Amino acid sequence: MNFLTPHLARRVSWATWQFSVLKLSMISFGIILGSYFAGFWKSLLPAIWVVFIITVILSTMMWLNAIGKKAVKNKAVMQR
């Protein structure tokens, strides 16, 4: 039996500053890796830009959709 599985499956709530620290460490690690493999990534740069632009568009659409649903819900509650 694996003793780590129940602990890793638990939900954890992160404060904004804690999540920011995690993201900063991941970004730093990515920059370090990118500096070591600059030649490799240079040939893939157009594909990386395409992935970046698509994910930004999708993230923005999901965010605006969530805001719209929340606004509709709040408006329905206020009309009661």
PDB file of N, CA and C in Angstrom:
ATOM      1  N   MET A   1       0.851  -1.192   0.000  1.00  0.00           N
ATOM      2  CA  MET A   1       0.000   0.000   0.000  1.00  0.00           C
ATOM      3  C   MET A   1       0.889   1.244   0.000  1.00  0.00           C
ATOM      4  N   ASN A   2       0.534   2.189  -0.809  1.00  0.00           N
ATOM      5  CA  ASN A   2       1.298   3.421  -0.903  1.00  0.00           C
ATOM      6  C   ASN A   2       0.769   4.417   0.129  1.00  0.00           C
ATOM      7  N   PHE A   3       1.627   4.849   1.040  1.00  0.00           N
ATOM      8  CA  PHE A   3       1.199   5.744   2.116  1.00  0.00           C
ATOM      9  C   PHE A   3       1.083   7.193   1.672  1.00  0.00           C
ATOM     10  N   LEU A   4       1.674   7.545   0.533  1.00  0.00           N
ATOM     11  CA  LEU A   4       1.604   8.930   0.066  1.00  0.00           C
ATOM     12  C   LEU A   4       0.308   9.239  -0.675  1.00  0.00           C
ATOM     13  N   THR A   5      -0.329   8.250  -1.248  1.00  0.00           N
ATOM     14  CA  THR A   5      -1.511   8.473  -2.078  1.00  0.00           C
ATOM     15  C   THR A   5      -2.624   9.232  -1.353  1.00  0.00           C
ATOM     16  N   PRO A   6      -3.017   8.856  -0.121  1.00  0.00           N
ATOM     17  CA  PRO A   6      -4.085   9.632   0.532  1.00  0.00           C
ATOM     18  C   PRO A   6      -3.696  11.079   0.797  1.00  0.00           C
ATOM     19  N   HIS A   7      -2.427  11.318   1.078  1.00  0.00           N
ATOM     20  CA  HIS A   7      -1.988  12.682   1.367  1.00  0.00           C
ATOM     21  C   HIS A   7      -1.919  13.535   0.101  1.00  0.00           C
ATOM     22  N   LEU A   8      -1.531  12.924  -1.010  1.00  0.00           N
ATOM     23  CA  LEU A   8      -1.435  13.673  -2.259  1.00  0.00           C
ATOM     24  C   LEU A   8      -2.800  13.923  -2.886  1.00  0.00           C
ATOM     25  N   ALA A   9      -3.795  13.111  -2.540  1.00  0.00           N
ATOM     26  CA  ALA A   9      -5.124  13.250  -3.118  1.00  0.00           C
ATOM     27  C   ALA A   9      -5.972  14.294  -2.398  1.00  0.00           C
ATOM     28  N   ARG A  10      -5.522  14.768  -1.252  1.00  0.00           N
ATOM     29  CA  ARG A  10      -6.307  15.764  -0.516  1.00  0.00           C
ATOM     30  C   ARG A  10      -6.299  17.103  -1.232  1.00  0.00           C
ATOM     31  N   ARG A  11      -7.390  17.835  -1.082  1.00  0.00           N
ATOM     32  CA  ARG A  11      -7.455  19.196  -1.622  1.00  0.00           C
ATOM     33  C   ARG A  11      -6.737  20.144  -0.675  1.00  0.00           C
ATOM     34  N   VAL A  12      -6.039  21.092  -1.269  1.00  0.00           N
ATOM     35  CA  VAL A  12      -5.304  22.071  -0.492  1.00  0.00           C
ATOM     36  C   VAL A  12      -5.731  23.453  -0.965  1.00  0.00           C
ATOM     37  N   SER A  13      -6.034  24.326  -0.032  1.00  0.00           N
ATOM     38  CA  SER A  13      -6.360  25.710  -0.365  1.00  0.00           C
ATOM     39  C   SER A  13      -5.101  26.548  -0.246  1.00  0.00           C
ATOM     40  N   TRP A  14      -4.834  27.321  -1.269  1.00  0.00           N
ATOM     41  CA  TRP A  14      -3.649  28.165  -1.293  1.00  0.00           C
ATOM     42  C   TRP A  14      -4.065  29.619  -1.181  1.00  0.00           C
ATOM     43  N   ALA A  15      -3.343  30.373  -0.391  1.00  0.00           N
ATOM     44  CA  ALA A  15      -3.519  31.825  -0.364  1.00  0.00           C
ATOM     45  C   ALA A  15      -2.895  32.387  -1.640  1.00  0.00           C
ATOM     46  N   THR A  16      -3.296  33.581  -2.018  1.00  0.00           N
ATOM     47  CA  THR A  16      -2.772  34.182  -3.246  1.00  0.00           C
ATOM     48  C   THR A  16      -1.262  34.318  -3.194  1.00  0.00           C
ATOM     49  N   TRP A  17      -0.724  34.759  -2.073  1.00  0.00           N
ATOM     50  CA  TRP A  17       0.720  34.952  -1.981  1.00  0.00           C
ATOM     51  C   TRP A  17       1.452  33.608  -2.056  1.00  0.00           C
ATOM     52  N   GLN A  18       0.868  32.538  -1.519  1.00  0.00           N
ATOM     53  CA  GLN A  18       1.508  31.230  -1.586  1.00  0.00           C
ATOM     54  C   GLN A  18       1.533  30.716  -3.025  1.00  0.00           C
ATOM     55  N   PHE A  19       0.425  30.902  -3.736  1.00  0.00           N
ATOM     56  CA  PHE A  19       0.366  30.486  -5.127  1.00  0.00           C
ATOM     57  C   PHE A  19       1.324  31.319  -5.973  1.00  0.00           C
ATOM     58  N   SER A  20       1.469  32.598  -5.640  1.00  0.00           N
ATOM     59  CA  SER A  20       2.402  33.469  -6.364  1.00  0.00           C
ATOM     60  C   SER A  20       3.836  32.997  -6.187  1.00  0.00           C
ATOM     61  N   VAL A  21       4.183  32.569  -4.981  1.00  0.00           N
ATOM     62  CA  VAL A  21       5.530  32.051  -4.740  1.00  0.00           C
ATOM     63  C   VAL A  21       5.770  30.790  -5.573  1.00  0.00           C
ATOM     64  N   LEU A  22       4.786  29.902  -5.621  1.00  0.00           N
ATOM     65  CA  LEU A  22       4.902  28.690  -6.427  1.00  0.00           C
ATOM     66  C   LEU A  22       5.076  29.033  -7.908  1.00  0.00           C
ATOM     67  N   LYS A  23       4.268  29.959  -8.416  1.00  0.00           N
ATOM     68  CA  LYS A  23       4.363  30.348  -9.820  1.00  0.00           C
ATOM     69  C   LYS A  23       5.712  30.996 -10.125  1.00  0.00           C
ATOM     70  N   LEU A  24       6.205  31.828  -9.214  1.00  0.00           N
ATOM     71  CA  LEU A  24       7.500  32.472  -9.413  1.00  0.00           C
ATOM     72  C   LEU A  24       8.617  31.441  -9.479  1.00  0.00           C
ATOM     73  N   SER A  25       8.539  30.422  -8.621  1.00  0.00           N
ATOM     74  CA  SER A  25       9.573  29.379  -8.664  1.00  0.00           C
ATOM     75  C   SER A  25       9.508  28.596  -9.971  1.00  0.00           C
ATOM     76  N   MET A  26       8.304  28.327 -10.458  1.00  0.00           N
ATOM     77  CA  MET A  26       8.169  27.596 -11.717  1.00  0.00           C
ATOM     78  C   MET A  26       8.662  28.436 -12.900  1.00  0.00           C
ATOM     79  N   ILE A  27       8.363  29.722 -12.880  1.00  0.00           N
ATOM     80  CA  ILE A  27       8.837  30.610 -13.942  1.00  0.00           C
ATOM     81  C   ILE A  27      10.359  30.691 -13.921  1.00  0.00           C
ATOM     82  N   SER A  28      10.942  30.802 -12.727  1.00  0.00           N
ATOM     83  CA  SER A  28      12.401  30.864 -12.602  1.00  0.00           C
ATOM     84  C   SER A  28      13.039  29.597 -13.141  1.00  0.00           C
ATOM     85  N   PHE A  29      12.453  28.448 -12.796  1.00  0.00           N
ATOM     86  CA  PHE A  29      12.981  27.175 -13.289  1.00  0.00           C
ATOM     87  C   PHE A  29      12.883  27.103 -14.808  1.00  0.00           C
ATOM     88  N   GLY A  30      11.789  27.593 -15.368  1.00  0.00           N
ATOM     89  CA  GLY A  30      11.638  27.610 -16.820  1.00  0.00           C
ATOM     90  C   GLY A  30      12.670  28.496 -17.501  1.00  0.00           C
ATOM     91  N   ILE A  31      12.970  29.631 -16.898  1.00  0.00           N
ATOM     92  CA  ILE A  31      13.990  30.530 -17.455  1.00  0.00           C
ATOM     93  C   ILE A  31      15.352  29.863 -17.400  1.00  0.00           C
ATOM     94  N   ILE A  32      15.648  29.189 -16.290  1.00  0.00           N
ATOM     95  CA  ILE A  32      16.934  28.487 -16.161  1.00  0.00           C
ATOM     96  C   ILE A  32      17.046  27.401 -17.227  1.00  0.00           C
ATOM     97  N   LEU A  33      15.990  26.584 -17.379  1.00  0.00           N
ATOM     98  CA  LEU A  33      16.022  25.544 -18.409  1.00  0.00           C
ATOM     99  C   LEU A  33      16.152  26.155 -19.807  1.00  0.00           C
ATOM    100  N   GLY A  34      15.425  27.241 -20.039  1.00  0.00           N
ATOM    101  CA  GLY A  34      15.492  27.896 -21.335  1.00  0.00           C
ATOM    102  C   GLY A  34      16.871  28.429 -21.662  1.00  0.00           C
ATOM    103  N   SER A  35      17.587  28.898 -20.637  1.00  0.00           N
ATOM    104  CA  SER A  35      18.930  29.412 -20.884  1.00  0.00           C
ATOM    105  C   SER A  35      19.903  28.287 -21.227  1.00  0.00           C
ATOM    106  N   TYR A  36      19.685  27.098 -20.675  1.00  0.00           N
ATOM    107  CA  TYR A  36      20.555  25.968 -20.989  1.00  0.00           C
ATOM    108  C   TYR A  36      20.265  25.376 -22.370  1.00  0.00           C
ATOM    109  N   PHE A  37      19.009  25.436 -22.794  1.00  0.00           N
ATOM    110  CA  PHE A  37      18.613  24.823 -24.060  1.00  0.00           C
ATOM    111  C   PHE A  37      18.110  25.879 -25.052  1.00  0.00           C
ATOM    112  N   ALA A  38      18.768  27.010 -25.111  1.00  0.00           N
ATOM    113  CA  ALA A  38      18.310  28.122 -25.949  1.00  0.00           C
ATOM    114  C   ALA A  38      18.250  27.740 -27.425  1.00  0.00           C
ATOM    115  N   GLY A  39      19.233  27.028 -27.896  1.00  0.00           N
ATOM    116  CA  GLY A  39      19.258  26.638 -29.306  1.00  0.00           C
ATOM    117  C   GLY A  39      18.103  25.721 -29.667  1.00  0.00           C
ATOM    118  N   PHE A  40      17.776  24.809 -28.775  1.00  0.00           N
ATOM    119  CA  PHE A  40      16.679  23.875 -29.009  1.00  0.00           C
ATOM    120  C   PHE A  40      15.361  24.617 -29.081  1.00  0.00           C
ATOM    121  N   TRP A  41      15.107  25.531 -28.157  1.00  0.00           N
ATOM    122  CA  TRP A  41      13.827  26.241 -28.104  1.00  0.00           C
ATOM    123  C   TRP A  41      13.683  27.252 -29.225  1.00  0.00           C
ATOM    124  N   LYS A  42      14.811  27.767 -29.738  1.00  0.00           N
ATOM    125  CA  LYS A  42      14.742  28.769 -30.799  1.00  0.00           C
ATOM    126  C   LYS A  42      14.051  28.208 -32.044  1.00  0.00           C
ATOM    127  N   SER A  43      14.294  26.948 -32.341  1.00  0.00           N
ATOM    128  CA  SER A  43      13.664  26.357 -33.523  1.00  0.00           C
ATOM    129  C   SER A  43      12.171  26.111 -33.306  1.00  0.00           C
ATOM    130  N   LEU A  44      11.737  26.012 -32.060  1.00  0.00           N
ATOM    131  CA  LEU A  44      10.330  25.766 -31.740  1.00  0.00           C
ATOM    132  C   LEU A  44       9.553  27.034 -31.385  1.00  0.00           C
ATOM    133  N   LEU A  45      10.210  28.178 -31.467  1.00  0.00           N
ATOM    134  CA  LEU A  45       9.598  29.433 -31.030  1.00  0.00           C
ATOM    135  C   LEU A  45       8.268  29.752 -31.704  1.00  0.00           C
ATOM    136  N   PRO A  46       8.112  29.589 -33.003  1.00  0.00           N
ATOM    137  CA  PRO A  46       6.791  29.887 -33.603  1.00  0.00           C
ATOM    138  C   PRO A  46       5.670  29.012 -33.035  1.00  0.00           C
ATOM    139  N   ALA A  47       5.946  27.737 -32.817  1.00  0.00           N
ATOM    140  CA  ALA A  47       4.929  26.842 -32.254  1.00  0.00           C
ATOM    141  C   ALA A  47       4.599  27.237 -30.819  1.00  0.00           C
ATOM    142  N   ILE A  48       5.601  27.649 -30.065  1.00  0.00           N
ATOM    143  CA  ILE A  48       5.370  28.070 -28.679  1.00  0.00           C
ATOM    144  C   ILE A  48       4.496  29.321 -28.655  1.00  0.00           C
ATOM    145  N   TRP A  49       4.730  30.247 -29.575  1.00  0.00           N
ATOM    146  CA  TRP A  49       3.892  31.455 -29.652  1.00  0.00           C
ATOM    147  C   TRP A  49       2.446  31.093 -29.978  1.00  0.00           C
ATOM    148  N   VAL A  50       2.250  30.144 -30.870  1.00  0.00           N
ATOM    149  CA  VAL A  50       0.889  29.728 -31.231  1.00  0.00           C
ATOM    150  C   VAL A  50       0.185  29.135 -30.017  1.00  0.00           C
ATOM    151  N   VAL A  51       0.872  28.265 -29.286  1.00  0.00           N
ATOM    152  CA  VAL A  51       0.293  27.664 -28.074  1.00  0.00           C
ATOM    153  C   VAL A  51      -0.026  28.761 -27.057  1.00  0.00           C
ATOM    154  N   PHE A  52       0.878  29.707 -26.886  1.00  0.00           N
ATOM    155  CA  PHE A  52       0.658  30.802 -25.940  1.00  0.00           C
ATOM    156  C   PHE A  52      -0.578  31.615 -26.318  1.00  0.00           C
ATOM    157  N   ILE A  53      -0.690  31.999 -27.568  1.00  0.00           N
ATOM    158  CA  ILE A  53      -1.819  32.831 -28.004  1.00  0.00           C
ATOM    159  C   ILE A  53      -3.139  32.079 -27.851  1.00  0.00           C
ATOM    160  N   ILE A  54      -3.160  30.802 -28.227  1.00  0.00           N
ATOM    161  CA  ILE A  54      -4.389  30.007 -28.093  1.00  0.00           C
ATOM    162  C   ILE A  54      -4.794  29.877 -26.628  1.00  0.00           C
ATOM    163  N   THR A  55      -3.832  29.599 -25.745  1.00  0.00           N
ATOM    164  CA  THR A  55      -4.173  29.438 -24.328  1.00  0.00           C
ATOM    165  C   THR A  55      -4.601  30.754 -23.688  1.00  0.00           C
ATOM    166  N   VAL A  56      -4.039  31.868 -24.126  1.00  0.00           N
ATOM    167  CA  VAL A  56      -4.479  33.166 -23.604  1.00  0.00           C
ATOM    168  C   VAL A  56      -5.916  33.442 -24.035  1.00  0.00           C
ATOM    169  N   ILE A  57      -6.228  33.161 -25.283  1.00  0.00           N
ATOM    170  CA  ILE A  57      -7.589  33.371 -25.772  1.00  0.00           C
ATOM    171  C   ILE A  57      -8.577  32.480 -25.015  1.00  0.00           C
ATOM    172  N   LEU A  58      -8.240  31.186 -24.859  1.00  0.00           N
ATOM    173  CA  LEU A  58      -9.123  30.274 -24.139  1.00  0.00           C
ATOM    174  C   LEU A  58      -9.304  30.683 -22.680  1.00  0.00           C
ATOM    175  N   SER A  59      -8.220  31.067 -22.027  1.00  0.00           N
ATOM    176  CA  SER A  59      -8.309  31.502 -20.633  1.00  0.00           C
ATOM    177  C   SER A  59      -9.182  32.736 -20.489  1.00  0.00           C
ATOM    178  N   THR A  60      -9.023  33.677 -21.410  1.00  0.00           N
ATOM    179  CA  THR A  60      -9.831  34.894 -21.366  1.00  0.00           C
ATOM    180  C   THR A  60     -11.302  34.575 -21.609  1.00  0.00           C
ATOM    181  N   MET A  61     -11.583  33.674 -22.533  1.00  0.00           N
ATOM    182  CA  MET A  61     -12.974  33.296 -22.801  1.00  0.00           C
ATOM    183  C   MET A  61     -13.603  32.612 -21.586  1.00  0.00           C
ATOM    184  N   MET A  62     -12.857  31.708 -20.944  1.00  0.00           N
ATOM    185  CA  MET A  62     -13.380  31.031 -19.753  1.00  0.00           C
ATOM    186  C   MET A  62     -13.626  32.025 -18.630  1.00  0.00           C
ATOM    187  N   TRP A  63     -12.706  32.987 -18.464  1.00  0.00           N
ATOM    188  CA  TRP A  63     -12.833  33.993 -17.410  1.00  0.00           C
ATOM    189  C   TRP A  63     -14.056  34.876 -17.666  1.00  0.00           C
ATOM    190  N   LEU A  64     -14.207  35.355 -18.904  1.00  0.00           N
ATOM    191  CA  LEU A  64     -15.348  36.204 -19.228  1.00  0.00           C
ATOM    192  C   LEU A  64     -16.661  35.440 -19.109  1.00  0.00           C
ATOM    193  N   ASN A  65     -16.656  34.173 -19.466  1.00  0.00           N
ATOM    194  CA  ASN A  65     -17.837  33.335 -19.330  1.00  0.00           C
ATOM    195  C   ASN A  65     -18.224  33.190 -17.856  1.00  0.00           C
ATOM    196  N   ALA A  66     -17.230  32.974 -16.998  1.00  0.00           N
ATOM    197  CA  ALA A  66     -17.501  32.839 -15.561  1.00  0.00           C
ATOM    198  C   ALA A  66     -18.022  34.152 -14.986  1.00  0.00           C
ATOM    199  N   ILE A  67     -17.464  35.264 -15.427  1.00  0.00           N
ATOM    200  CA  ILE A  67     -17.937  36.569 -14.947  1.00  0.00           C
ATOM    201  C   ILE A  67     -19.368  36.803 -15.410  1.00  0.00           C
ATOM    202  N   GLY A  68     -19.672  36.450 -16.657  1.00  0.00           N
ATOM    203  CA  GLY A  68     -21.021  36.625 -17.191  1.00  0.00           C
ATOM    204  C   GLY A  68     -22.045  35.808 -16.423  1.00  0.00           C
ATOM    205  N   LYS A  69     -21.727  34.558 -16.121  1.00  0.00           N
ATOM    206  CA  LYS A  69     -22.651  33.711 -15.357  1.00  0.00           C
ATOM    207  C   LYS A  69     -22.863  34.268 -13.959  1.00  0.00           C
ATOM    208  N   LYS A  70     -21.800  34.779 -13.351  1.00  0.00           N
ATOM    209  CA  LYS A  70     -21.918  35.345 -12.008  1.00  0.00           C
ATOM    210  C   LYS A  70     -22.771  36.608 -12.042  1.00  0.00           C
ATOM    211  N   ALA A  71     -22.595  37.430 -13.085  1.00  0.00           N
ATOM    212  CA  ALA A  71     -23.378  38.657 -13.198  1.00  0.00           C
ATOM    213  C   ALA A  71     -24.850  38.343 -13.396  1.00  0.00           C
ATOM    214  N   VAL A  72     -25.159  37.341 -14.218  1.00  0.00           N
ATOM    215  CA  VAL A  72     -26.555  36.951 -14.439  1.00  0.00           C
ATOM    216  C   VAL A  72     -27.156  36.423 -13.149  1.00  0.00           C
ATOM    217  N   LYS A  73     -26.397  35.635 -12.410  1.00  0.00           N
ATOM    218  CA  LYS A  73     -26.893  35.083 -11.146  1.00  0.00           C
ATOM    219  C   LYS A  73     -27.143  36.196 -10.150  1.00  0.00           C
ATOM    220  N   ASN A  74     -26.214  37.152 -10.049  1.00  0.00           N
ATOM    221  CA  ASN A  74     -26.388  38.276  -9.124  1.00  0.00           C
ATOM    222  C   ASN A  74     -27.579  39.141  -9.517  1.00  0.00           C
ATOM    223  N   LYS A  75     -27.791  39.328 -10.808  1.00  0.00           N
ATOM    224  CA  LYS A  75     -28.913  40.138 -11.263  1.00  0.00           C
ATOM    225  C   LYS A  75     -30.235  39.471 -10.917  1.00  0.00           C
ATOM    226  N   ALA A  76     -30.292  38.132 -11.052  1.00  0.00           N
ATOM    227  CA  ALA A  76     -31.515  37.402 -10.713  1.00  0.00           C
ATOM    228  C   ALA A  76     -31.790  37.481  -9.220  1.00  0.00           C
ATOM    229  N   VAL A  77     -30.766  37.431  -8.399  1.00  0.00           N
ATOM    230  CA  VAL A  77     -30.943  37.524  -6.953  1.00  0.00           C
ATOM    231  C   VAL A  77     -31.404  38.931  -6.561  1.00  0.00           C
ATOM    232  N   MET A  78     -30.871  39.950  -7.229  1.00  0.00           N
ATOM    233  CA  MET A  78     -31.229  41.325  -6.893  1.00  0.00           C
ATOM    234  C   MET A  78     -32.668  41.650  -7.303  1.00  0.00           C
ATOM    235  N   GLN A  79     -33.191  40.983  -8.324  1.00  0.00           N
ATOM    236  CA  GLN A  79     -34.546  41.263  -8.801  1.00  0.00           C
ATOM    237  C   GLN A  79     -35.609  40.648  -7.904  1.00  0.00           C
ATOM    238  N   ARG A  80     -35.254  39.746  -7.032  1.00  0.00           N
ATOM    239  CA  ARG A  80     -36.237  39.113  -6.159  1.00  0.00           C
ATOM    240  C   ARG A  80     -36.752  40.041  -5.122  1.00  0.00           C
TER     241      ARG A  80
END
